[in-house]
Amino acid sequence: MIISCEKCGTQFEVRKNEIPKEGRNVQCGVCNATWFQKPFEKNKKNNSNHVSFHYFANFFLLCLILVSFVGIMETFRDSLLYNFPELDQYYKFVEMIIDRAFEEIKNLFSSFSI
């Protein structure tokens, strides 16, 4: 884990087992300031927020890649179908998904009388 000097802000890497559950006094190797360091129980919660942010970022990246892939497939549709006729199944599947999505959106709007 990384601790920071409260006076000069220098960061130090220490092993978790070097800071007991009850905490201990530590000294900065740069400015010689001393302070009482507790283990980072609060940071575990903050790290979980960062982890959930990473999940969101990874999900966003995956969606971006998926949309890019579909865009490329649609851009080069004629050439791809000419060279790979079996891709016709892919295009039929995508059209079916899009049709279902639009049908669900219509149903949603009609249920709210929009």
PDB file of N, CA and C in Angstrom:
ATOM      1  N   MET A   1       0.843  -1.174   0.000  1.00  0.00           N
ATOM      2  CA  MET A   1       0.000   0.000   0.000  1.00  0.00           C
ATOM      3  C   MET A   1       0.884   1.231   0.000  1.00  0.00           C
ATOM      4  N   ILE A   2       0.321   2.343  -0.383  1.00  0.00           N
ATOM      5  CA  ILE A   2       1.087   3.590  -0.493  1.00  0.00           C
ATOM      6  C   ILE A   2       0.610   4.558   0.582  1.00  0.00           C
ATOM      7  N   ILE A   3       1.565   5.099   1.340  1.00  0.00           N
ATOM      8  CA  ILE A   3       1.246   6.119   2.342  1.00  0.00           C
ATOM      9  C   ILE A   3       1.922   7.414   1.917  1.00  0.00           C
ATOM     10  N   SER A   4       1.372   8.528   2.382  1.00  0.00           N
ATOM     11  CA  SER A   4       1.916   9.841   2.033  1.00  0.00           C
ATOM     12  C   SER A   4       2.279  10.593   3.295  1.00  0.00           C
ATOM     13  N   CYS A   5       3.393  11.282   3.229  1.00  0.00           N
ATOM     14  CA  CYS A   5       3.815  12.129   4.337  1.00  0.00           C
ATOM     15  C   CYS A   5       2.820  13.276   4.471  1.00  0.00           C
ATOM     16  N   GLU A   6       2.371  13.517   5.706  1.00  0.00           N
ATOM     17  CA  GLU A   6       1.387  14.573   5.946  1.00  0.00           C
ATOM     18  C   GLU A   6       1.995  15.964   5.825  1.00  0.00           C
ATOM     19  N   LYS A   7       3.329  16.064   5.903  1.00  0.00           N
ATOM     20  CA  LYS A   7       3.979  17.369   5.840  1.00  0.00           C
ATOM     21  C   LYS A   7       4.441  17.723   4.424  1.00  0.00           C
ATOM     22  N   CYS A   8       5.218  16.834   3.783  1.00  0.00           N
ATOM     23  CA  CYS A   8       5.778  17.177   2.475  1.00  0.00           C
ATOM     24  C   CYS A   8       5.067  16.479   1.314  1.00  0.00           C
ATOM     25  N   GLY A   9       4.219  15.489   1.611  1.00  0.00           N
ATOM     26  CA  GLY A   9       3.443  14.822   0.562  1.00  0.00           C
ATOM     27  C   GLY A   9       4.182  13.713  -0.166  1.00  0.00           C
ATOM     28  N   THR A  10       5.411  13.406   0.242  1.00  0.00           N
ATOM     29  CA  THR A  10       6.160  12.329  -0.398  1.00  0.00           C
ATOM     30  C   THR A  10       5.430  11.011  -0.163  1.00  0.00           C
ATOM     31  N   GLN A  11       5.374  10.187  -1.197  1.00  0.00           N
ATOM     32  CA  GLN A  11       4.673   8.916  -1.085  1.00  0.00           C
ATOM     33  C   GLN A  11       5.670   7.782  -0.923  1.00  0.00           C
ATOM     34  N   PHE A  12       5.269   6.825  -0.086  1.00  0.00           N
ATOM     35  CA  PHE A  12       6.106   5.674   0.191  1.00  0.00           C
ATOM     36  C   PHE A  12       5.273   4.415   0.036  1.00  0.00           C
ATOM     37  N   GLU A  13       5.889   3.371  -0.499  1.00  0.00           N
ATOM     38  CA  GLU A  13       5.208   2.091  -0.613  1.00  0.00           C
ATOM     39  C   GLU A  13       5.619   1.229   0.570  1.00  0.00           C
ATOM     40  N   VAL A  14       4.624   0.733   1.306  1.00  0.00           N
ATOM     41  CA  VAL A  14       4.874  -0.155   2.438  1.00  0.00           C
ATOM     42  C   VAL A  14       4.026  -1.401   2.273  1.00  0.00           C
ATOM     43  N   ARG A  15       4.505  -2.494   2.833  1.00  0.00           N
ATOM     44  CA  ARG A  15       3.720  -3.726   2.796  1.00  0.00           C
ATOM     45  C   ARG A  15       2.579  -3.622   3.804  1.00  0.00           C
ATOM     46  N   LYS A  16       1.477  -4.275   3.490  1.00  0.00           N
ATOM     47  CA  LYS A  16       0.301  -4.201   4.365  1.00  0.00           C
ATOM     48  C   LYS A  16       0.607  -4.702   5.765  1.00  0.00           C
ATOM     49  N   ASN A  17       1.458  -5.707   5.867  1.00  0.00           N
ATOM     50  CA  ASN A  17       1.751  -6.271   7.188  1.00  0.00           C
ATOM     51  C   ASN A  17       2.642  -5.364   8.028  1.00  0.00           C
ATOM     52  N   GLU A  18       3.209  -4.300   7.460  1.00  0.00           N
ATOM     53  CA  GLU A  18       4.035  -3.363   8.231  1.00  0.00           C
ATOM     54  C   GLU A  18       3.188  -2.381   9.034  1.00  0.00           C
ATOM     55  N   ILE A  19       1.909  -2.221   8.676  1.00  0.00           N
ATOM     56  CA  ILE A  19       1.007  -1.351   9.436  1.00  0.00           C
ATOM     57  C   ILE A  19      -0.016  -2.262  10.111  1.00  0.00           C
ATOM     58  N   PRO A  20       0.084  -2.460  11.460  1.00  0.00           N
ATOM     59  CA  PRO A  20      -0.876  -3.346  12.143  1.00  0.00           C
ATOM     60  C   PRO A  20      -2.274  -2.742  12.174  1.00  0.00           C
ATOM     61  N   LYS A  21      -3.240  -3.544  12.564  1.00  0.00           N
ATOM     62  CA  LYS A  21      -4.632  -3.096  12.597  1.00  0.00           C
ATOM     63  C   LYS A  21      -4.828  -1.876  13.487  1.00  0.00           C
ATOM     64  N   GLU A  22      -4.065  -1.808  14.562  1.00  0.00           N
ATOM     65  CA  GLU A  22      -4.207  -0.663  15.473  1.00  0.00           C
ATOM     66  C   GLU A  22      -3.415   0.558  15.006  1.00  0.00           C
ATOM     67  N   GLY A  23      -2.593   0.421  13.952  1.00  0.00           N
ATOM     68  CA  GLY A  23      -1.812   1.534  13.426  1.00  0.00           C
ATOM     69  C   GLY A  23      -0.443   1.620  14.083  1.00  0.00           C
ATOM     70  N   ARG A  24       0.376   2.532  13.595  1.00  0.00           N
ATOM     71  CA  ARG A  24       1.714   2.718  14.185  1.00  0.00           C
ATOM     72  C   ARG A  24       2.284   4.060  13.755  1.00  0.00           C
ATOM     73  N   ASN A  25       3.315   4.513  14.479  1.00  0.00           N
ATOM     74  CA  ASN A  25       4.014   5.740  14.122  1.00  0.00           C
ATOM     75  C   ASN A  25       4.964   5.454  12.965  1.00  0.00           C
ATOM     76  N   VAL A  26       4.993   6.382  12.013  1.00  0.00           N
ATOM     77  CA  VAL A  26       5.920   6.270  10.882  1.00  0.00           C
ATOM     78  C   VAL A  26       6.652   7.592  10.731  1.00  0.00           C
ATOM     79  N   GLN A  27       7.793   7.537  10.053  1.00  0.00           N
ATOM     80  CA  GLN A  27       8.596   8.738   9.861  1.00  0.00           C
ATOM     81  C   GLN A  27       8.934   8.883   8.389  1.00  0.00           C
ATOM     82  N   CYS A  28       8.831  10.106   7.893  1.00  0.00           N
ATOM     83  CA  CYS A  28       9.160  10.417   6.504  1.00  0.00           C
ATOM     84  C   CYS A  28      10.672  10.356   6.336  1.00  0.00           C
ATOM     85  N   GLY A  29      11.116   9.696   5.276  1.00  0.00           N
ATOM     86  CA  GLY A  29      12.542   9.599   5.002  1.00  0.00           C
ATOM     87  C   GLY A  29      13.098  10.838   4.334  1.00  0.00           C
ATOM     88  N   VAL A  30      12.234  11.789   3.958  1.00  0.00           N
ATOM     89  CA  VAL A  30      12.691  12.994   3.275  1.00  0.00           C
ATOM     90  C   VAL A  30      12.773  14.165   4.250  1.00  0.00           C
ATOM     91  N   CYS A  31      11.653  14.456   4.950  1.00  0.00           N
ATOM     92  CA  CYS A  31      11.620  15.637   5.829  1.00  0.00           C
ATOM     93  C   CYS A  31      11.665  15.264   7.312  1.00  0.00           C
ATOM     94  N   ASN A  32      11.718  13.983   7.625  1.00  0.00           N
ATOM     95  CA  ASN A  32      11.795  13.456   8.995  1.00  0.00           C
ATOM     96  C   ASN A  32      10.554  13.737   9.838  1.00  0.00           C
ATOM     97  N   ALA A  33       9.458  14.128   9.236  1.00  0.00           N
ATOM     98  CA  ALA A  33       8.219  14.319   9.980  1.00  0.00           C
ATOM     99  C   ALA A  33       7.697  12.953  10.421  1.00  0.00           C
ATOM    100  N   THR A  34       7.038  12.911  11.581  1.00  0.00           N
ATOM    101  CA  THR A  34       6.444  11.662  12.059  1.00  0.00           C
ATOM    102  C   THR A  34       4.937  11.849  12.202  1.00  0.00           C
ATOM    103  N   TRP A  35       4.201  10.773  11.995  1.00  0.00           N
ATOM    104  CA  TRP A  35       2.742  10.783  12.156  1.00  0.00           C
ATOM    105  C   TRP A  35       2.281   9.379  12.440  1.00  0.00           C
ATOM    106  N   PHE A  36       1.059   9.293  12.955  1.00  0.00           N
ATOM    107  CA  PHE A  36       0.458   8.002  13.269  1.00  0.00           C
ATOM    108  C   PHE A  36      -0.301   7.523  12.038  1.00  0.00           C
ATOM    109  N   GLN A  37       0.092   6.373  11.513  1.00  0.00           N
ATOM    110  CA  GLN A  37      -0.528   5.830  10.302  1.00  0.00           C
ATOM    111  C   GLN A  37      -1.461   4.682  10.665  1.00  0.00           C
ATOM    112  N   LYS A  38      -2.709   4.811  10.260  1.00  0.00           N
ATOM    113  CA  LYS A  38      -3.676   3.722  10.432  1.00  0.00           C
ATOM    114  C   LYS A  38      -3.759   2.944   9.126  1.00  0.00           C
ATOM    115  N   PRO A  39      -4.167   1.673   9.201  1.00  0.00           N
ATOM    116  CA  PRO A  39      -4.356   0.927   7.948  1.00  0.00           C
ATOM    117  C   PRO A  39      -5.496   1.544   7.137  1.00  0.00           C
ATOM    118  N   PHE A  40      -5.475   1.349   5.854  1.00  0.00           N
ATOM    119  CA  PHE A  40      -6.408   2.009   4.961  1.00  0.00           C
ATOM    120  C   PHE A  40      -7.719   1.256   4.849  1.00  0.00           C
ATOM    121  N   GLU A  41      -8.546   1.314   5.857  1.00  0.00           N
ATOM    122  CA  GLU A  41      -9.882   0.722   5.774  1.00  0.00           C
ATOM    123  C   GLU A  41     -10.768   1.583   4.889  1.00  0.00           C
ATOM    124  N   LYS A  42     -10.632   2.912   4.997  1.00  0.00           N
ATOM    125  CA  LYS A  42     -11.437   3.820   4.177  1.00  0.00           C
ATOM    126  C   LYS A  42     -11.107   3.653   2.701  1.00  0.00           C
ATOM    127  N   ASN A  43      -9.828   3.458   2.403  1.00  0.00           N
ATOM    128  CA  ASN A  43      -9.420   3.369   1.009  1.00  0.00           C
ATOM    129  C   ASN A  43      -9.962   2.124   0.322  1.00  0.00           C
ATOM    130  N   LYS A  44     -10.258   1.075   1.113  1.00  0.00           N
ATOM    131  CA  LYS A  44     -10.849  -0.108   0.497  1.00  0.00           C
ATOM    132  C   LYS A  44     -12.194   0.243  -0.106  1.00  0.00           C
ATOM    133  N   LYS A  45     -12.960   1.084   0.584  1.00  0.00           N
ATOM    134  CA  LYS A  45     -14.233   1.524   0.027  1.00  0.00           C
ATOM    135  C   LYS A  45     -14.003   2.382  -1.202  1.00  0.00           C
ATOM    136  N   ASN A  46     -13.021   3.282  -1.130  1.00  0.00           N
ATOM    137  CA  ASN A  46     -12.718   4.131  -2.285  1.00  0.00           C
ATOM    138  C   ASN A  46     -12.229   3.296  -3.455  1.00  0.00           C
ATOM    139  N   ASN A  47     -11.421   2.268  -3.171  1.00  0.00           N
ATOM    140  CA  ASN A  47     -10.950   1.411  -4.251  1.00  0.00           C
ATOM    141  C   ASN A  47     -12.102   0.680  -4.910  1.00  0.00           C
ATOM    142  N   SER A  48     -13.121   0.317  -4.125  1.00  0.00           N
ATOM    143  CA  SER A  48     -14.261  -0.359  -4.733  1.00  0.00           C
ATOM    144  C   SER A  48     -14.996   0.599  -5.663  1.00  0.00           C
ATOM    145  N   ASN A  49     -15.014   1.900  -5.329  1.00  0.00           N
ATOM    146  CA  ASN A  49     -15.606   2.869  -6.250  1.00  0.00           C
ATOM    147  C   ASN A  49     -14.789   2.949  -7.533  1.00  0.00           C
ATOM    148  N   HIS A  50     -13.463   2.906  -7.394  1.00  0.00           N
ATOM    149  CA  HIS A  50     -12.623   2.947  -8.581  1.00  0.00           C
ATOM    150  C   HIS A  50     -12.809   1.679  -9.409  1.00  0.00           C
ATOM    151  N   VAL A  51     -12.969   0.554  -8.731  1.00  0.00           N
ATOM    152  CA  VAL A  51     -13.178  -0.697  -9.448  1.00  0.00           C
ATOM    153  C   VAL A  51     -14.486  -0.637 -10.214  1.00  0.00           C
ATOM    154  N   SER A  52     -15.546  -0.137  -9.569  1.00  0.00           N
ATOM    155  CA  SER A  52     -16.818  -0.055 -10.276  1.00  0.00           C
ATOM    156  C   SER A  52     -16.708   0.928 -11.441  1.00  0.00           C
ATOM    157  N   PHE A  53     -15.912   1.981 -11.292  1.00  0.00           N
ATOM    158  CA  PHE A  53     -15.694   2.894 -12.408  1.00  0.00           C
ATOM    159  C   PHE A  53     -14.987   2.168 -13.540  1.00  0.00           C
ATOM    160  N   HIS A  54     -14.023   1.315 -13.196  1.00  0.00           N
ATOM    161  CA  HIS A  54     -13.323   0.568 -14.229  1.00  0.00           C
ATOM    162  C   HIS A  54     -14.271  -0.385 -14.936  1.00  0.00           C
ATOM    163  N   TYR A  55     -15.199  -0.973 -14.199  1.00  0.00           N
ATOM    164  CA  TYR A  55     -16.194  -1.830 -14.846  1.00  0.00           C
ATOM    165  C   TYR A  55     -17.031  -1.010 -15.821  1.00  0.00           C
ATOM    166  N   PHE A  56     -17.414   0.179 -15.413  1.00  0.00           N
ATOM    167  CA  PHE A  56     -18.194   1.040 -16.299  1.00  0.00           C
ATOM    168  C   PHE A  56     -17.363   1.425 -17.519  1.00  0.00           C
ATOM    169  N   ALA A  57     -16.109   1.783 -17.299  1.00  0.00           N
ATOM    170  CA  ALA A  57     -15.239   2.168 -18.410  1.00  0.00           C
ATOM    171  C   ALA A  57     -15.025   0.991 -19.354  1.00  0.00           C
ATOM    172  N   ASN A  58     -14.828  -0.206 -18.812  1.00  0.00           N
ATOM    173  CA  ASN A  58     -14.654  -1.385 -19.651  1.00  0.00           C
ATOM    174  C   ASN A  58     -15.927  -1.699 -20.424  1.00  0.00           C
ATOM    175  N   PHE A  59     -17.081  -1.547 -19.769  1.00  0.00           N
ATOM    176  CA  PHE A  59     -18.349  -1.771 -20.451  1.00  0.00           C
ATOM    177  C   PHE A  59     -18.520  -0.762 -21.588  1.00  0.00           C
ATOM    178  N   PHE A  60     -18.197   0.492 -21.333  1.00  0.00           N
ATOM    179  CA  PHE A  60     -18.285   1.527 -22.359  1.00  0.00           C
ATOM    180  C   PHE A  60     -17.350   1.203 -23.522  1.00  0.00           C
ATOM    181  N   LEU A  61     -16.132   0.759 -23.223  1.00  0.00           N
ATOM    182  CA  LEU A  61     -15.176   0.407 -24.253  1.00  0.00           C
ATOM    183  C   LEU A  61     -15.683  -0.770 -25.082  1.00  0.00           C
ATOM    184  N   LEU A  62     -16.261  -1.767 -24.424  1.00  0.00           N
ATOM    185  CA  LEU A  62     -16.817  -2.915 -25.130  1.00  0.00           C
ATOM    186  C   LEU A  62     -17.944  -2.484 -26.061  1.00  0.00           C
ATOM    187  N   CYS A  63     -18.824  -1.597 -25.574  1.00  0.00           N
ATOM    188  CA  CYS A  63     -19.917  -1.092 -26.417  1.00  0.00           C
ATOM    189  C   CYS A  63     -19.366  -0.311 -27.597  1.00  0.00           C
ATOM    190  N   LEU A  64     -18.342   0.471 -27.378  1.00  0.00           N
ATOM    191  CA  LEU A  64     -17.722   1.245 -28.457  1.00  0.00           C
ATOM    192  C   LEU A  64     -17.128   0.323 -29.517  1.00  0.00           C
ATOM    193  N   ILE A  65     -16.472  -0.731 -29.081  1.00  0.00           N
ATOM    194  CA  ILE A  65     -15.900  -1.696 -30.022  1.00  0.00           C
ATOM    195  C   ILE A  65     -17.004  -2.402 -30.795  1.00  0.00           C
ATOM    196  N   LEU A  66     -18.076  -2.769 -30.100  1.00  0.00           N
ATOM    197  CA  LEU A  66     -19.197  -3.444 -30.751  1.00  0.00           C
ATOM    198  C   LEU A  66     -19.849  -2.549 -31.796  1.00  0.00           C
ATOM    199  N   VAL A  67     -20.087  -1.293 -31.452  1.00  0.00           N
ATOM    200  CA  VAL A  67     -20.686  -0.352 -32.404  1.00  0.00           C
ATOM    201  C   VAL A  67     -19.753  -0.129 -33.594  1.00  0.00           C
ATOM    202  N   SER A  68     -18.454  -0.045 -33.341  1.00  0.00           N
ATOM    203  CA  SER A  68     -17.487   0.112 -34.430  1.00  0.00           C
ATOM    204  C   SER A  68     -17.512  -1.097 -35.356  1.00  0.00           C
ATOM    205  N   PHE A  69     -17.574  -2.286 -34.764  1.00  0.00           N
ATOM    206  CA  PHE A  69     -17.623  -3.508 -35.559  1.00  0.00           C
ATOM    207  C   PHE A  69     -18.867  -3.531 -36.439  1.00  0.00           C
ATOM    208  N   VAL A  70     -20.014  -3.213 -35.850  1.00  0.00           N
ATOM    209  CA  VAL A  70     -21.257  -3.196 -36.625  1.00  0.00           C
ATOM    210  C   VAL A  70     -21.180  -2.134 -37.720  1.00  0.00           C
ATOM    211  N   GLY A  71     -20.610  -0.986 -37.412  1.00  0.00           N
ATOM    212  CA  GLY A  71     -20.461   0.073 -38.411  1.00  0.00           C
ATOM    213  C   GLY A  71     -19.599  -0.359 -39.578  1.00  0.00           C
ATOM    214  N   ILE A  72     -18.505  -1.034 -39.291  1.00  0.00           N
ATOM    215  CA  ILE A  72     -17.633  -1.526 -40.361  1.00  0.00           C
ATOM    216  C   ILE A  72     -18.352  -2.584 -41.187  1.00  0.00           C
ATOM    217  N   MET A  73     -19.074  -3.469 -40.495  1.00  0.00           N
ATOM    218  CA  MET A  73     -19.806  -4.513 -41.214  1.00  0.00           C
ATOM    219  C   MET A  73     -20.871  -3.909 -42.122  1.00  0.00           C
ATOM    220  N   GLU A  74     -21.520  -2.851 -41.683  1.00  0.00           N
ATOM    221  CA  GLU A  74     -22.542  -2.208 -42.516  1.00  0.00           C
ATOM    222  C   GLU A  74     -21.915  -1.399 -43.644  1.00  0.00           C
ATOM    223  N   THR A  75     -20.788  -0.765 -43.383  1.00  0.00           N
ATOM    224  CA  THR A  75     -20.122   0.045 -44.405  1.00  0.00           C
ATOM    225  C   THR A  75     -19.679  -0.815 -45.587  1.00  0.00           C
ATOM    226  N   PHE A  76     -19.142  -1.976 -45.297  1.00  0.00           N
ATOM    227  CA  PHE A  76     -18.613  -2.846 -46.345  1.00  0.00           C
ATOM    228  C   PHE A  76     -19.533  -4.035 -46.612  1.00  0.00           C
ATOM    229  N   ARG A  77     -20.817  -3.852 -46.406  1.00  0.00           N
ATOM    230  CA  ARG A  77     -21.790  -4.943 -46.520  1.00  0.00           C
ATOM    231  C   ARG A  77     -21.744  -5.619 -47.894  1.00  0.00           C
ATOM    232  N   ASP A  78     -21.822  -4.848 -48.962  1.00  0.00           N
ATOM    233  CA  ASP A  78     -21.871  -5.435 -50.305  1.00  0.00           C
ATOM    234  C   ASP A  78     -20.603  -6.225 -50.612  1.00  0.00           C
ATOM    235  N   SER A  79     -19.450  -5.655 -50.294  1.00  0.00           N
ATOM    236  CA  SER A  79     -18.182  -6.346 -50.562  1.00  0.00           C
ATOM    237  C   SER A  79     -18.064  -7.614 -49.725  1.00  0.00           C
ATOM    238  N   LEU A  80     -18.458  -7.527 -48.472  1.00  0.00           N
ATOM    239  CA  LEU A  80     -18.369  -8.699 -47.596  1.00  0.00           C
ATOM    240  C   LEU A  80     -19.303  -9.812 -48.057  1.00  0.00           C
ATOM    241  N   LEU A  81     -20.530  -9.448 -48.452  1.00  0.00           N
ATOM    242  CA  LEU A  81     -21.472 -10.467 -48.925  1.00  0.00           C
ATOM    243  C   LEU A  81     -20.992 -11.091 -50.232  1.00  0.00           C
ATOM    244  N   TYR A  82     -20.341 -10.311 -51.070  1.00  0.00           N
ATOM    245  CA  TYR A  82     -19.829 -10.841 -52.332  1.00  0.00           C
ATOM    246  C   TYR A  82     -18.718 -11.867 -52.069  1.00  0.00           C
ATOM    247  N   ASN A  83     -17.811 -11.526 -51.116  1.00  0.00           N
ATOM    248  CA  ASN A  83     -16.678 -12.403 -50.819  1.00  0.00           C
ATOM    249  C   ASN A  83     -17.017 -13.515 -49.833  1.00  0.00           C
ATOM    250  N   PHE A  84     -17.979 -13.253 -48.939  1.00  0.00           N
ATOM    251  CA  PHE A  84     -18.349 -14.232 -47.908  1.00  0.00           C
ATOM    252  C   PHE A  84     -19.868 -14.356 -47.853  1.00  0.00           C
ATOM    253  N   PRO A  85     -20.473 -15.133 -48.737  1.00  0.00           N
ATOM    254  CA  PRO A  85     -21.934 -15.220 -48.783  1.00  0.00           C
ATOM    255  C   PRO A  85     -22.562 -15.742 -47.488  1.00  0.00           C
ATOM    256  N   GLU A  86     -21.801 -16.470 -46.690  1.00  0.00           N
ATOM    257  CA  GLU A  86     -22.350 -16.994 -45.433  1.00  0.00           C
ATOM    258  C   GLU A  86     -22.637 -15.887 -44.418  1.00  0.00           C
ATOM    259  N   LEU A  87     -22.116 -14.688 -44.647  1.00  0.00           N
ATOM    260  CA  LEU A  87     -22.405 -13.556 -43.760  1.00  0.00           C
ATOM    261  C   LEU A  87     -23.853 -13.080 -43.875  1.00  0.00           C
ATOM    262  N   ASP A  88     -24.568 -13.608 -44.858  1.00  0.00           N
ATOM    263  CA  ASP A  88     -25.979 -13.252 -44.996  1.00  0.00           C
ATOM    264  C   ASP A  88     -26.749 -13.584 -43.716  1.00  0.00           C
ATOM    265  N   GLN A  89     -26.363 -14.669 -43.038  1.00  0.00           N
ATOM    266  CA  GLN A  89     -27.002 -15.048 -41.771  1.00  0.00           C
ATOM    267  C   GLN A  89     -26.779 -13.963 -40.713  1.00  0.00           C
ATOM    268  N   TYR A  90     -25.576 -13.414 -40.669  1.00  0.00           N
ATOM    269  CA  TYR A  90     -25.282 -12.345 -39.721  1.00  0.00           C
ATOM    270  C   TYR A  90     -26.183 -11.144 -39.977  1.00  0.00           C
ATOM    271  N   TYR A  91     -26.305 -10.731 -41.237  1.00  0.00           N
ATOM    272  CA  TYR A  91     -27.108  -9.549 -41.563  1.00  0.00           C
ATOM    273  C   TYR A  91     -28.592  -9.788 -41.279  1.00  0.00           C
ATOM    274  N   LYS A  92     -29.079 -10.995 -41.525  1.00  0.00           N
ATOM    275  CA  LYS A  92     -30.474 -11.313 -41.192  1.00  0.00           C
ATOM    276  C   LYS A  92     -30.689 -11.251 -39.685  1.00  0.00           C
ATOM    277  N   PHE A  93     -29.720 -11.754 -38.928  1.00  0.00           N
ATOM    278  CA  PHE A  93     -29.818 -11.728 -37.468  1.00  0.00           C
ATOM    279  C   PHE A  93     -29.845 -10.285 -36.951  1.00  0.00           C
ATOM    280  N   VAL A  94     -28.956  -9.439 -37.476  1.00  0.00           N
ATOM    281  CA  VAL A  94     -28.900  -8.036 -37.053  1.00  0.00           C
ATOM    282  C   VAL A  94     -30.210  -7.332 -37.387  1.00  0.00           C
ATOM    283  N   GLU A  95     -30.742  -7.581 -38.586  1.00  0.00           N
ATOM    284  CA  GLU A  95     -32.015  -6.963 -38.968  1.00  0.00           C
ATOM    285  C   GLU A  95     -33.145  -7.420 -38.045  1.00  0.00           C
ATOM    286  N   MET A  96     -33.143  -8.710 -37.660  1.00  0.00           N
ATOM    287  CA  MET A  96     -34.159  -9.222 -36.750  1.00  0.00           C
ATOM    288  C   MET A  96     -34.055  -8.520 -35.388  1.00  0.00           C
ATOM    289  N   ILE A  97     -32.855  -8.363 -34.874  1.00  0.00           N
ATOM    290  CA  ILE A  97     -32.642  -7.699 -33.582  1.00  0.00           C
ATOM    291  C   ILE A  97     -33.114  -6.250 -33.657  1.00  0.00           C
ATOM    292  N   ILE A  98     -32.774  -5.556 -34.731  1.00  0.00           N
ATOM    293  CA  ILE A  98     -33.173  -4.153 -34.884  1.00  0.00           C
ATOM    294  C   ILE A  98     -34.692  -4.041 -34.980  1.00  0.00           C
ATOM    295  N   ASP A  99     -35.312  -4.941 -35.743  1.00  0.00           N
ATOM    296  CA  ASP A  99     -36.775  -4.927 -35.857  1.00  0.00           C
ATOM    297  C   ASP A  99     -37.433  -5.152 -34.499  1.00  0.00           C
ATOM    298  N   ARG A 100     -36.915  -6.099 -33.724  1.00  0.00           N
ATOM    299  CA  ARG A 100     -37.470  -6.361 -32.380  1.00  0.00           C
ATOM    300  C   ARG A 100     -37.285  -5.148 -31.468  1.00  0.00           C
ATOM    301  N   ALA A 101     -36.119  -4.511 -31.557  1.00  0.00           N
ATOM    302  CA  ALA A 101     -35.855  -3.344 -30.711  1.00  0.00           C
ATOM    303  C   ALA A 101     -36.838  -2.223 -31.037  1.00  0.00           C
ATOM    304  N   PHE A 102     -37.049  -1.953 -32.335  1.00  0.00           N
ATOM    305  CA  PHE A 102     -37.991  -0.907 -32.716  1.00  0.00           C
ATOM    306  C   PHE A 102     -39.415  -1.268 -32.306  1.00  0.00           C
ATOM    307  N   GLU A 103     -39.761  -2.538 -32.388  1.00  0.00           N
ATOM    308  CA  GLU A 103     -41.097  -2.975 -31.972  1.00  0.00           C
ATOM    309  C   GLU A 103     -41.283  -2.749 -30.462  1.00  0.00           C
ATOM    310  N   GLU A 104     -40.253  -3.060 -29.687  1.00  0.00           N
ATOM    311  CA  GLU A 104     -40.329  -2.835 -28.244  1.00  0.00           C
ATOM    312  C   GLU A 104     -40.425  -1.348 -27.927  1.00  0.00           C
ATOM    313  N   ILE A 105     -39.705  -0.524 -28.658  1.00  0.00           N
ATOM    314  CA  ILE A 105     -39.775   0.924 -28.438  1.00  0.00           C
ATOM    315  C   ILE A 105     -41.171   1.435 -28.776  1.00  0.00           C
ATOM    316  N   LYS A 106     -41.757   0.925 -29.873  1.00  0.00           N
ATOM    317  CA  LYS A 106     -43.133   1.308 -30.222  1.00  0.00           C
ATOM    318  C   LYS A 106     -44.097   0.915 -29.113  1.00  0.00           C
ATOM    319  N   ASN A 107     -43.952  -0.308 -28.600  1.00  0.00           N
ATOM    320  CA  ASN A 107     -44.821  -0.767 -27.514  1.00  0.00           C
ATOM    321  C   ASN A 107     -44.649   0.094 -26.269  1.00  0.00           C
ATOM    322  N   LEU A 108     -43.430   0.479 -25.988  1.00  0.00           N
ATOM    323  CA  LEU A 108     -43.169   1.327 -24.835  1.00  0.00           C
ATOM    324  C   LEU A 108     -43.833   2.677 -24.986  1.00  0.00           C
ATOM    325  N   PHE A 109     -43.696   3.283 -26.161  1.00  0.00           N
ATOM    326  CA  PHE A 109     -44.328   4.573 -26.401  1.00  0.00           C
ATOM    327  C   PHE A 109     -45.851   4.454 -26.370  1.00  0.00           C
ATOM    328  N   SER A 110     -46.390   3.387 -26.918  1.00  0.00           N
ATOM    329  CA  SER A 110     -47.844   3.239 -26.922  1.00  0.00           C
ATOM    330  C   SER A 110     -48.377   2.999 -25.511  1.00  0.00           C
ATOM    331  N   SER A 111     -47.596   2.327 -24.655  1.00  0.00           N
ATOM    332  CA  SER A 111     -48.054   2.104 -23.285  1.00  0.00           C
ATOM    333  C   SER A 111     -48.082   3.399 -22.474  1.00  0.00           C
ATOM    334  N   PHE A 112     -47.239   4.369 -22.852  1.00  0.00           N
ATOM    335  CA  PHE A 112     -47.249   5.666 -22.191  1.00  0.00           C
ATOM    336  C   PHE A 112     -48.091   6.664 -22.951  1.00  0.00           C
ATOM    337  N   SER A 113     -48.748   6.234 -23.991  1.00  0.00           N
ATOM    338  CA  SER A 113     -49.615   7.077 -24.826  1.00  0.00           C
ATOM    339  C   SER A 113     -48.874   8.287 -25.380  1.00  0.00           C
ATOM    340  N   ILE A 114     -47.709   8.050 -25.895  1.00  0.00           N
ATOM    341  CA  ILE A 114     -46.897   9.128 -26.468  1.00  0.00           C
ATOM    342  C   ILE A 114     -47.091   9.144 -27.965  1.00  0.00           C
TER     343      ILE A 114
END
